[in-house]
Amino acid sequence: MRKKVYNIQELWVQIVEESDSKAFESLFYALNPRLIKFCLFYVHKKEVAEEIVSDTFVKSWMQRGELSHVKNAETYLFIAVKNQALNYIKRFSSIHMVAIDESTVQLVDAYRPDREMEKRELIFRLDQAIESLPQQCRIIFRLVKDEGMKYKEVAEILGISPRTVHTQLFRAMKKLNAEMTPYVKSDNNPLSIHITLSAVLVFLILL
Protein backbone atom coordinates (compact mmCIF):
# COMPACT_ATOMS: atom_id res chain seq x y z
CA MET A 1 0.00 0.00 0.00
CA ARG A 2 1.50 3.32 -1.07
CA LYS A 3 2.12 5.83 1.68
CA LYS A 4 -0.13 8.89 1.49
CA VAL A 5 1.65 12.10 0.52
CA TYR A 6 0.57 15.28 2.28
CA ASN A 7 1.05 18.91 1.34
CA ILE A 8 2.49 20.13 4.63
CA GLN A 9 1.89 23.83 4.02
CA GLU A 10 -1.73 23.27 3.00
CA LEU A 11 -2.32 21.31 6.18
CA TRP A 12 -0.67 24.10 8.18
CA VAL A 13 -2.96 26.74 6.65
CA GLN A 14 -6.01 24.63 7.54
CA ILE A 15 -4.74 24.33 11.11
CA VAL A 16 -3.89 27.98 11.78
CA GLU A 17 -6.80 29.51 9.85
CA GLU A 18 -9.58 26.97 10.41
CA SER A 19 -8.48 25.10 13.57
CA ASP A 20 -8.90 21.91 11.54
CA SER A 21 -8.19 19.01 13.90
CA LYS A 22 -8.17 16.50 11.02
CA ALA A 23 -5.47 18.52 9.27
CA PHE A 24 -3.51 18.60 12.53
CA GLU A 25 -3.76 14.82 12.81
CA SER A 26 -2.53 14.44 9.23
CA LEU A 27 0.37 16.83 9.91
CA PHE A 28 1.31 14.80 12.97
CA TYR A 29 1.39 11.50 11.09
CA ALA A 30 3.28 13.08 8.19
CA LEU A 31 6.11 14.63 10.24
CA ASN A 32 6.22 12.82 13.57
CA PRO A 33 8.64 10.02 12.53
CA ARG A 34 11.05 12.44 10.85
CA LEU A 35 11.00 14.88 13.75
CA ILE A 36 11.70 12.09 16.24
CA LYS A 37 14.61 10.88 14.13
CA PHE A 38 15.92 14.46 13.93
CA CYS A 39 15.54 14.96 17.68
CA LEU A 40 17.56 11.78 18.29
CA PHE A 41 20.54 13.53 16.69
CA TYR A 42 20.59 15.67 19.85
CA VAL A 43 19.17 13.70 22.78
CA HIS A 44 19.92 10.08 21.76
CA LYS A 45 17.04 8.74 23.84
CA LYS A 46 13.95 7.66 21.94
CA GLU A 47 11.48 8.22 24.78
CA VAL A 48 12.85 11.73 25.34
CA ALA A 49 12.73 12.49 21.60
CA GLU A 50 9.13 11.30 21.40
CA GLU A 51 8.19 13.49 24.36
CA ILE A 52 9.89 16.56 22.90
CA VAL A 53 8.23 16.11 19.51
CA SER A 54 4.81 15.50 21.06
CA ASP A 55 5.22 18.61 23.19
CA THR A 56 6.16 20.61 20.09
CA PHE A 57 3.01 19.50 18.30
CA VAL A 58 0.84 20.28 21.33
CA LYS A 59 2.32 23.76 21.67
CA SER A 60 1.84 24.37 17.95
CA TRP A 61 -1.83 23.43 18.23
CA MET A 62 -2.36 25.54 21.35
CA GLN A 63 -0.67 28.55 19.74
CA ARG A 64 -2.05 28.00 16.23
CA GLY A 65 -3.84 31.34 16.18
CA GLU A 66 -0.48 33.12 16.52
CA LEU A 67 1.33 31.13 13.82
CA SER A 68 -0.28 32.38 10.62
CA HIS A 69 2.99 34.18 9.78
CA VAL A 70 4.85 30.87 9.38
CA LYS A 71 5.56 30.40 5.67
CA ASN A 72 7.34 27.05 5.92
CA ALA A 73 5.67 24.82 8.49
CA GLU A 74 8.15 21.98 8.11
CA THR A 75 11.17 24.18 8.77
CA TYR A 76 9.35 25.86 11.67
CA LEU A 77 8.68 22.52 13.37
CA PHE A 78 12.23 21.28 12.85
CA ILE A 79 13.58 24.47 14.43
CA ALA A 80 11.10 24.19 17.32
CA VAL A 81 12.15 20.60 17.99
CA LYS A 82 15.83 21.55 17.80
CA ASN A 83 15.33 24.37 20.33
CA GLN A 84 13.45 22.12 22.74
CA ALA A 85 16.12 19.43 22.39
CA LEU A 86 18.85 21.97 23.18
CA ASN A 87 16.88 23.19 26.19
CA TYR A 88 16.59 19.61 27.39
CA ILE A 89 20.35 19.12 27.06
CA LYS A 90 20.96 22.31 29.06
CA ARG A 91 18.68 21.11 31.83
CA PHE A 92 20.22 17.64 31.87
CA SER A 93 23.85 18.29 30.96
CA SER A 94 24.84 14.82 32.17
CA ILE A 95 22.80 13.20 29.38
CA HIS A 96 24.26 9.84 28.36
CA MET A 97 25.28 9.92 24.71
CA VAL A 98 24.82 6.64 22.85
CA ALA A 99 24.82 5.70 19.19
CA ILE A 100 21.54 5.54 17.30
CA ASP A 101 20.34 1.97 17.06
CA GLU A 102 21.87 0.05 14.19
CA SER A 103 18.40 -0.91 12.96
CA THR A 104 17.75 2.71 11.91
CA VAL A 105 20.32 2.35 9.13
CA GLN A 106 19.35 0.27 6.13
CA LEU A 107 21.53 -0.85 3.25
CA VAL A 108 20.24 -1.41 -0.27
CA ASP A 109 20.22 -5.16 -0.79
CA ALA A 110 22.75 -5.29 -3.60
CA TYR A 111 24.88 -8.26 -2.56
CA ARG A 112 24.47 -12.01 -2.33
CA PRO A 113 22.92 -13.61 0.80
CA ASP A 114 26.27 -15.16 1.76
CA ARG A 115 27.59 -11.63 2.28
CA GLU A 116 25.01 -10.71 4.90
CA MET A 117 27.61 -10.66 7.66
CA GLU A 118 29.85 -8.38 5.61
CA LYS A 119 26.95 -6.02 4.98
CA ARG A 120 25.99 -5.90 8.65
CA GLU A 121 29.58 -5.21 9.63
CA LEU A 122 29.82 -2.44 7.04
CA ILE A 123 26.59 -0.85 8.25
CA PHE A 124 27.76 -1.03 11.86
CA ARG A 125 31.13 0.54 11.03
CA LEU A 126 29.49 3.29 9.00
CA ASP A 127 27.04 4.12 11.78
CA GLN A 128 29.93 4.28 14.25
CA ALA A 129 31.85 6.57 11.90
CA ILE A 130 28.85 8.88 11.48
CA GLU A 131 28.27 9.03 15.25
CA SER A 132 31.93 9.93 15.79
CA LEU A 133 31.57 13.09 13.71
CA PRO A 134 31.38 16.43 15.59
CA GLN A 135 27.76 17.15 16.53
CA GLN A 136 27.02 19.87 13.98
CA CYS A 137 28.80 17.95 11.25
CA ARG A 138 26.86 14.78 12.11
CA ILE A 139 23.48 16.55 12.18
CA ILE A 140 24.14 18.24 8.83
CA PHE A 141 25.10 14.91 7.30
CA ARG A 142 21.95 13.21 8.61
CA LEU A 143 19.64 16.02 7.46
CA VAL A 144 21.10 16.11 3.95
CA LYS A 145 21.60 12.38 3.42
CA ASP A 146 18.79 10.89 5.53
CA GLU A 147 16.14 13.57 5.17
CA GLY A 148 17.07 14.75 1.68
CA MET A 149 17.00 18.39 2.72
CA LYS A 150 18.56 21.14 0.64
CA TYR A 151 21.51 23.12 1.98
CA LYS A 152 19.32 26.21 2.38
CA GLU A 153 16.75 24.30 4.46
CA VAL A 154 19.43 22.82 6.73
CA ALA A 155 21.04 26.25 7.11
CA GLU A 156 17.72 27.78 8.18
CA ILE A 157 16.99 25.01 10.69
CA LEU A 158 20.44 25.17 12.28
CA GLY A 159 20.86 28.95 12.05
CA ILE A 160 24.00 28.82 9.92
CA SER A 161 24.92 29.80 6.35
CA PRO A 162 24.47 27.47 3.34
CA ARG A 163 28.24 27.76 2.78
CA THR A 164 28.83 26.37 6.28
CA VAL A 165 26.49 23.49 5.50
CA HIS A 166 28.44 22.74 2.32
CA THR A 167 31.79 22.93 4.14
CA GLN A 168 30.66 20.73 7.03
CA LEU A 169 29.15 18.16 4.67
CA PHE A 170 32.37 18.01 2.65
CA ARG A 171 34.35 17.43 5.86
CA ALA A 172 31.93 14.70 6.92
CA MET A 173 32.21 12.89 3.58
CA LYS A 174 36.00 13.17 3.62
CA LYS A 175 36.24 11.78 7.16
CA LEU A 176 33.73 9.00 6.50
CA ASN A 177 35.53 7.96 3.35
CA ALA A 178 38.80 7.76 5.30
CA GLU A 179 37.12 5.77 8.06
CA MET A 180 35.34 3.34 5.72
CA THR A 181 38.09 2.66 3.17
CA PRO A 182 39.86 0.00 5.33
CA TYR A 183 36.59 -1.92 5.66
CA VAL A 184 35.53 -1.88 2.01
CA LYS A 185 38.84 -2.61 0.31
CA SER A 186 40.82 -5.78 0.92
CA ASP A 187 42.57 -7.94 -1.66
CA ASN A 188 43.08 -10.78 0.81
CA ASN A 189 39.47 -11.56 1.60
CA PRO A 190 37.44 -13.10 -1.29
CA LEU A 191 34.20 -11.99 0.37
CA SER A 192 35.27 -8.39 0.85
CA ILE A 193 33.35 -5.62 -0.89
CA HIS A 194 35.53 -3.66 -3.31
CA ILE A 195 34.34 -0.08 -3.51
CA THR A 196 36.13 2.87 -5.06
CA LEU A 197 36.03 6.37 -3.55
CA SER A 198 33.13 7.45 -5.78
CA ALA A 199 31.24 4.25 -4.98
CA VAL A 200 31.67 4.86 -1.26
CA LEU A 201 30.06 8.27 -1.66
CA VAL A 202 27.16 6.76 -3.61
CA PHE A 203 26.79 4.11 -0.91
CA LEU A 204 26.61 6.81 1.75
CA ILE A 205 24.00 8.77 -0.19
CA LEU A 206 21.81 5.69 -0.55
CA LEU A 207 21.64 5.11 3.21
C-alpha atoms as a PDB file:
ATOM      1  CA  MET A   1       0.000   0.000   0.000  1.00  0.00           C
ATOM      2  CA  ARG A   2       1.503   3.322  -1.074  1.00  0.00           C
ATOM      3  CA  LYS A   3       2.121   5.829   1.683  1.00  0.00           C
ATOM      4  CA  LYS A   4      -0.129   8.890   1.494  1.00  0.00           C
ATOM      5  CA  VAL A   5       1.653  12.099   0.516  1.00  0.00           C
ATOM      6  CA  TYR A   6       0.574  15.276   2.283  1.00  0.00           C
ATOM      7  CA  ASN A   7       1.049  18.911   1.340  1.00  0.00           C
ATOM      8  CA  ILE A   8       2.493  20.132   4.627  1.00  0.00           C
ATOM      9  CA  GLN A   9       1.892  23.826   4.018  1.00  0.00           C
ATOM     10  CA  GLU A  10      -1.727  23.273   2.995  1.00  0.00           C
ATOM     11  CA  LEU A  11      -2.318  21.311   6.182  1.00  0.00           C
ATOM     12  CA  TRP A  12      -0.670  24.101   8.179  1.00  0.00           C
ATOM     13  CA  VAL A  13      -2.963  26.737   6.653  1.00  0.00           C
ATOM     14  CA  GLN A  14      -6.013  24.635   7.536  1.00  0.00           C
ATOM     15  CA  ILE A  15      -4.743  24.331  11.111  1.00  0.00           C
ATOM     16  CA  VAL A  16      -3.893  27.979  11.782  1.00  0.00           C
ATOM     17  CA  GLU A  17      -6.800  29.507   9.855  1.00  0.00           C
ATOM     18  CA  GLU A  18      -9.584  26.966  10.412  1.00  0.00           C
ATOM     19  CA  SER A  19      -8.483  25.097  13.572  1.00  0.00           C
ATOM     20  CA  ASP A  20      -8.904  21.913  11.544  1.00  0.00           C
ATOM     21  CA  SER A  21      -8.186  19.007  13.898  1.00  0.00           C
ATOM     22  CA  LYS A  22      -8.168  16.500  11.022  1.00  0.00           C
ATOM     23  CA  ALA A  23      -5.474  18.518   9.273  1.00  0.00           C
ATOM     24  CA  PHE A  24      -3.511  18.597  12.534  1.00  0.00           C
ATOM     25  CA  GLU A  25      -3.757  14.822  12.812  1.00  0.00           C
ATOM     26  CA  SER A  26      -2.527  14.435   9.232  1.00  0.00           C
ATOM     27  CA  LEU A  27       0.366  16.827   9.906  1.00  0.00           C
ATOM     28  CA  PHE A  28       1.315  14.805  12.972  1.00  0.00           C
ATOM     29  CA  TYR A  29       1.390  11.501  11.087  1.00  0.00           C
ATOM     30  CA  ALA A  30       3.279  13.078   8.188  1.00  0.00           C
ATOM     31  CA  LEU A  31       6.105  14.630  10.236  1.00  0.00           C
ATOM     32  CA  ASN A  32       6.218  12.821  13.566  1.00  0.00           C
ATOM     33  CA  PRO A  33       8.644  10.016  12.526  1.00  0.00           C
ATOM     34  CA  ARG A  34      11.051  12.436  10.846  1.00  0.00           C
ATOM     35  CA  LEU A  35      10.998  14.879  13.751  1.00  0.00           C
ATOM     36  CA  ILE A  36      11.697  12.094  16.242  1.00  0.00           C
ATOM     37  CA  LYS A  37      14.608  10.883  14.131  1.00  0.00           C
ATOM     38  CA  PHE A  38      15.923  14.458  13.930  1.00  0.00           C
ATOM     39  CA  CYS A  39      15.537  14.956  17.684  1.00  0.00           C
ATOM     40  CA  LEU A  40      17.562  11.783  18.290  1.00  0.00           C
ATOM     41  CA  PHE A  41      20.540  13.529  16.695  1.00  0.00           C
ATOM     42  CA  TYR A  42      20.594  15.668  19.849  1.00  0.00           C
ATOM     43  CA  VAL A  43      19.171  13.697  22.782  1.00  0.00           C
ATOM     44  CA  HIS A  44      19.917  10.085  21.758  1.00  0.00           C
ATOM     45  CA  LYS A  45      17.039   8.741  23.837  1.00  0.00           C
ATOM     46  CA  LYS A  46      13.948   7.659  21.938  1.00  0.00           C
ATOM     47  CA  GLU A  47      11.481   8.216  24.778  1.00  0.00           C
ATOM     48  CA  VAL A  48      12.847  11.728  25.336  1.00  0.00           C
ATOM     49  CA  ALA A  49      12.733  12.495  21.601  1.00  0.00           C
ATOM     50  CA  GLU A  50       9.129  11.303  21.398  1.00  0.00           C
ATOM     51  CA  GLU A  51       8.185  13.492  24.355  1.00  0.00           C
ATOM     52  CA  ILE A  52       9.888  16.564  22.895  1.00  0.00           C
ATOM     53  CA  VAL A  53       8.227  16.114  19.513  1.00  0.00           C
ATOM     54  CA  SER A  54       4.807  15.497  21.061  1.00  0.00           C
ATOM     55  CA  ASP A  55       5.217  18.608  23.193  1.00  0.00           C
ATOM     56  CA  THR A  56       6.163  20.609  20.087  1.00  0.00           C
ATOM     57  CA  PHE A  57       3.009  19.495  18.296  1.00  0.00           C
ATOM     58  CA  VAL A  58       0.836  20.277  21.332  1.00  0.00           C
ATOM     59  CA  LYS A  59       2.318  23.763  21.672  1.00  0.00           C
ATOM     60  CA  SER A  60       1.843  24.370  17.950  1.00  0.00           C
ATOM     61  CA  TRP A  61      -1.830  23.429  18.230  1.00  0.00           C
ATOM     62  CA  MET A  62      -2.359  25.538  21.353  1.00  0.00           C
ATOM     63  CA  GLN A  63      -0.667  28.549  19.738  1.00  0.00           C
ATOM     64  CA  ARG A  64      -2.055  27.997  16.230  1.00  0.00           C
ATOM     65  CA  GLY A  65      -3.838  31.342  16.183  1.00  0.00           C
ATOM     66  CA  GLU A  66      -0.482  33.116  16.519  1.00  0.00           C
ATOM     67  CA  LEU A  67       1.330  31.135  13.823  1.00  0.00           C
ATOM     68  CA  SER A  68      -0.281  32.382  10.625  1.00  0.00           C
ATOM     69  CA  HIS A  69       2.989  34.183   9.781  1.00  0.00           C
ATOM     70  CA  VAL A  70       4.846  30.874   9.378  1.00  0.00           C
ATOM     71  CA  LYS A  71       5.561  30.405   5.668  1.00  0.00           C
ATOM     72  CA  ASN A  72       7.341  27.054   5.916  1.00  0.00           C
ATOM     73  CA  ALA A  73       5.671  24.820   8.490  1.00  0.00           C
ATOM     74  CA  GLU A  74       8.151  21.981   8.106  1.00  0.00           C
ATOM     75  CA  THR A  75      11.174  24.184   8.773  1.00  0.00           C
ATOM     76  CA  TYR A  76       9.353  25.863  11.668  1.00  0.00           C
ATOM     77  CA  LEU A  77       8.676  22.521  13.366  1.00  0.00           C
ATOM     78  CA  PHE A  78      12.235  21.280  12.849  1.00  0.00           C
ATOM     79  CA  ILE A  79      13.576  24.467  14.431  1.00  0.00           C
ATOM     80  CA  ALA A  80      11.095  24.189  17.315  1.00  0.00           C
ATOM     81  CA  VAL A  81      12.153  20.596  17.990  1.00  0.00           C
ATOM     82  CA  LYS A  82      15.832  21.555  17.801  1.00  0.00           C
ATOM     83  CA  ASN A  83      15.331  24.371  20.326  1.00  0.00           C
ATOM     84  CA  GLN A  84      13.451  22.120  22.737  1.00  0.00           C
ATOM     85  CA  ALA A  85      16.120  19.431  22.393  1.00  0.00           C
ATOM     86  CA  LEU A  86      18.853  21.969  23.181  1.00  0.00           C
ATOM     87  CA  ASN A  87      16.879  23.190  26.185  1.00  0.00           C
ATOM     88  CA  TYR A  88      16.588  19.606  27.392  1.00  0.00           C
ATOM     89  CA  ILE A  89      20.351  19.118  27.065  1.00  0.00           C
ATOM     90  CA  LYS A  90      20.961  22.312  29.059  1.00  0.00           C
ATOM     91  CA  ARG A  91      18.677  21.106  31.827  1.00  0.00           C
ATOM     92  CA  PHE A  92      20.220  17.640  31.874  1.00  0.00           C
ATOM     93  CA  SER A  93      23.845  18.287  30.963  1.00  0.00           C
ATOM     94  CA  SER A  94      24.838  14.817  32.167  1.00  0.00           C
ATOM     95  CA  ILE A  95      22.804  13.201  29.385  1.00  0.00           C
ATOM     96  CA  HIS A  96      24.264   9.836  28.363  1.00  0.00           C
ATOM     97  CA  MET A  97      25.285   9.919  24.714  1.00  0.00           C
ATOM     98  CA  VAL A  98      24.816   6.642  22.850  1.00  0.00           C
ATOM     99  CA  ALA A  99      24.825   5.702  19.189  1.00  0.00           C
ATOM    100  CA  ILE A 100      21.540   5.544  17.302  1.00  0.00           C
ATOM    101  CA  ASP A 101      20.339   1.971  17.064  1.00  0.00           C
ATOM    102  CA  GLU A 102      21.870   0.046  14.194  1.00  0.00           C
ATOM    103  CA  SER A 103      18.404  -0.910  12.957  1.00  0.00           C
ATOM    104  CA  THR A 104      17.748   2.705  11.909  1.00  0.00           C
ATOM    105  CA  VAL A 105      20.320   2.352   9.133  1.00  0.00           C
ATOM    106  CA  GLN A 106      19.355   0.265   6.133  1.00  0.00           C
ATOM    107  CA  LEU A 107      21.526  -0.845   3.252  1.00  0.00           C
ATOM    108  CA  VAL A 108      20.240  -1.411  -0.266  1.00  0.00           C
ATOM    109  CA  ASP A 109      20.216  -5.164  -0.786  1.00  0.00           C
ATOM    110  CA  ALA A 110      22.749  -5.285  -3.602  1.00  0.00           C
ATOM    111  CA  TYR A 111      24.880  -8.259  -2.562  1.00  0.00           C
ATOM    112  CA  ARG A 112      24.465 -12.013  -2.326  1.00  0.00           C
ATOM    113  CA  PRO A 113      22.924 -13.611   0.802  1.00  0.00           C
ATOM    114  CA  ASP A 114      26.269 -15.158   1.761  1.00  0.00           C
ATOM    115  CA  ARG A 115      27.590 -11.632   2.276  1.00  0.00           C
ATOM    116  CA  GLU A 116      25.015 -10.711   4.895  1.00  0.00           C
ATOM    117  CA  MET A 117      27.609 -10.656   7.664  1.00  0.00           C
ATOM    118  CA  GLU A 118      29.845  -8.378   5.607  1.00  0.00           C
ATOM    119  CA  LYS A 119      26.951  -6.019   4.976  1.00  0.00           C
ATOM    120  CA  ARG A 120      25.995  -5.897   8.654  1.00  0.00           C
ATOM    121  CA  GLU A 121      29.579  -5.208   9.629  1.00  0.00           C
ATOM    122  CA  LEU A 122      29.822  -2.435   7.040  1.00  0.00           C
ATOM    123  CA  ILE A 123      26.590  -0.846   8.250  1.00  0.00           C
ATOM    124  CA  PHE A 124      27.757  -1.027  11.856  1.00  0.00           C
ATOM    125  CA  ARG A 125      31.128   0.536  11.031  1.00  0.00           C
ATOM    126  CA  LEU A 126      29.489   3.289   9.001  1.00  0.00           C
ATOM    127  CA  ASP A 127      27.042   4.118  11.783  1.00  0.00           C
ATOM    128  CA  GLN A 128      29.930   4.284  14.253  1.00  0.00           C
ATOM    129  CA  ALA A 129      31.853   6.571  11.903  1.00  0.00           C
ATOM    130  CA  ILE A 130      28.846   8.882  11.482  1.00  0.00           C
ATOM    131  CA  GLU A 131      28.269   9.033  15.247  1.00  0.00           C
ATOM    132  CA  SER A 132      31.934   9.927  15.794  1.00  0.00           C
ATOM    133  CA  LEU A 133      31.574  13.093  13.713  1.00  0.00           C
ATOM    134  CA  PRO A 134      31.380  16.431  15.587  1.00  0.00           C
ATOM    135  CA  GLN A 135      27.761  17.146  16.533  1.00  0.00           C
ATOM    136  CA  GLN A 136      27.019  19.867  13.981  1.00  0.00           C
ATOM    137  CA  CYS A 137      28.798  17.950  11.247  1.00  0.00           C
ATOM    138  CA  ARG A 138      26.857  14.784  12.112  1.00  0.00           C
ATOM    139  CA  ILE A 139      23.484  16.552  12.179  1.00  0.00           C
ATOM    140  CA  ILE A 140      24.137  18.235   8.833  1.00  0.00           C
ATOM    141  CA  PHE A 141      25.100  14.908   7.301  1.00  0.00           C
ATOM    142  CA  ARG A 142      21.949  13.215   8.612  1.00  0.00           C
ATOM    143  CA  LEU A 143      19.636  16.017   7.457  1.00  0.00           C
ATOM    144  CA  VAL A 144      21.097  16.115   3.950  1.00  0.00           C
ATOM    145  CA  LYS A 145      21.603  12.377   3.421  1.00  0.00           C
ATOM    146  CA  ASP A 146      18.794  10.891   5.532  1.00  0.00           C
ATOM    147  CA  GLU A 147      16.135  13.571   5.174  1.00  0.00           C
ATOM    148  CA  GLY A 148      17.066  14.746   1.678  1.00  0.00           C
ATOM    149  CA  MET A 149      16.998  18.393   2.722  1.00  0.00           C
ATOM    150  CA  LYS A 150      18.555  21.139   0.635  1.00  0.00           C
ATOM    151  CA  TYR A 151      21.510  23.117   1.978  1.00  0.00           C
ATOM    152  CA  LYS A 152      19.320  26.207   2.384  1.00  0.00           C
ATOM    153  CA  GLU A 153      16.753  24.303   4.461  1.00  0.00           C
ATOM    154  CA  VAL A 154      19.432  22.823   6.726  1.00  0.00           C
ATOM    155  CA  ALA A 155      21.035  26.253   7.111  1.00  0.00           C
ATOM    156  CA  GLU A 156      17.718  27.778   8.183  1.00  0.00           C
ATOM    157  CA  ILE A 157      16.991  25.009  10.694  1.00  0.00           C
ATOM    158  CA  LEU A 158      20.441  25.169  12.281  1.00  0.00           C
ATOM    159  CA  GLY A 159      20.858  28.948  12.050  1.00  0.00           C
ATOM    160  CA  ILE A 160      23.999  28.825   9.916  1.00  0.00           C
ATOM    161  CA  SER A 161      24.915  29.803   6.348  1.00  0.00           C
ATOM    162  CA  PRO A 162      24.472  27.469   3.337  1.00  0.00           C
ATOM    163  CA  ARG A 163      28.238  27.760   2.784  1.00  0.00           C
ATOM    164  CA  THR A 164      28.832  26.367   6.279  1.00  0.00           C
ATOM    165  CA  VAL A 165      26.487  23.489   5.500  1.00  0.00           C
ATOM    166  CA  HIS A 166      28.440  22.740   2.320  1.00  0.00           C
ATOM    167  CA  THR A 167      31.794  22.927   4.141  1.00  0.00           C
ATOM    168  CA  GLN A 168      30.655  20.731   7.029  1.00  0.00           C
ATOM    169  CA  LEU A 169      29.147  18.160   4.670  1.00  0.00           C
ATOM    170  CA  PHE A 170      32.368  18.012   2.653  1.00  0.00           C
ATOM    171  CA  ARG A 171      34.353  17.427   5.859  1.00  0.00           C
ATOM    172  CA  ALA A 172      31.933  14.702   6.921  1.00  0.00           C
ATOM    173  CA  MET A 173      32.208  12.888   3.579  1.00  0.00           C
ATOM    174  CA  LYS A 174      35.996  13.174   3.617  1.00  0.00           C
ATOM    175  CA  LYS A 175      36.242  11.780   7.156  1.00  0.00           C
ATOM    176  CA  LEU A 176      33.729   9.001   6.503  1.00  0.00           C
ATOM    177  CA  ASN A 177      35.533   7.960   3.354  1.00  0.00           C
ATOM    178  CA  ALA A 178      38.801   7.757   5.297  1.00  0.00           C
ATOM    179  CA  GLU A 179      37.116   5.766   8.061  1.00  0.00           C
ATOM    180  CA  MET A 180      35.340   3.341   5.718  1.00  0.00           C
ATOM    181  CA  THR A 181      38.095   2.660   3.175  1.00  0.00           C
ATOM    182  CA  PRO A 182      39.865   0.003   5.329  1.00  0.00           C
ATOM    183  CA  TYR A 183      36.590  -1.918   5.658  1.00  0.00           C
ATOM    184  CA  VAL A 184      35.534  -1.879   2.014  1.00  0.00           C
ATOM    185  CA  LYS A 185      38.844  -2.614   0.311  1.00  0.00           C
ATOM    186  CA  SER A 186      40.824  -5.784   0.921  1.00  0.00           C
ATOM    187  CA  ASP A 187      42.567  -7.936  -1.660  1.00  0.00           C
ATOM    188  CA  ASN A 188      43.081 -10.777   0.811  1.00  0.00           C
ATOM    189  CA  ASN A 189      39.475 -11.561   1.597  1.00  0.00           C
ATOM    190  CA  PRO A 190      37.444 -13.102  -1.294  1.00  0.00           C
ATOM    191  CA  LEU A 191      34.196 -11.990   0.374  1.00  0.00           C
ATOM    192  CA  SER A 192      35.272  -8.392   0.849  1.00  0.00           C
ATOM    193  CA  ILE A 193      33.353  -5.618  -0.894  1.00  0.00           C
ATOM    194  CA  HIS A 194      35.534  -3.664  -3.312  1.00  0.00           C
ATOM    195  CA  ILE A 195      34.337  -0.085  -3.506  1.00  0.00           C
ATOM    196  CA  THR A 196      36.126   2.870  -5.060  1.00  0.00           C
ATOM    197  CA  LEU A 197      36.031   6.372  -3.551  1.00  0.00           C
ATOM    198  CA  SER A 198      33.129   7.447  -5.781  1.00  0.00           C
ATOM    199  CA  ALA A 199      31.237   4.245  -4.984  1.00  0.00           C
ATOM    200  CA  VAL A 200      31.669   4.857  -1.264  1.00  0.00           C
ATOM    201  CA  LEU A 201      30.062   8.266  -1.663  1.00  0.00           C
ATOM    202  CA  VAL A 202      27.158   6.759  -3.614  1.00  0.00           C
ATOM    203  CA  PHE A 203      26.791   4.108  -0.910  1.00  0.00           C
ATOM    204  CA  LEU A 204      26.609   6.808   1.751  1.00  0.00           C
ATOM    205  CA  ILE A 205      24.000   8.772  -0.187  1.00  0.00           C
ATOM    206  CA  LEU A 206      21.807   5.689  -0.553  1.00  0.00           C
ATOM    207  CA  LEU A 207      21.636   5.111   3.206  1.00  0.00           C
END
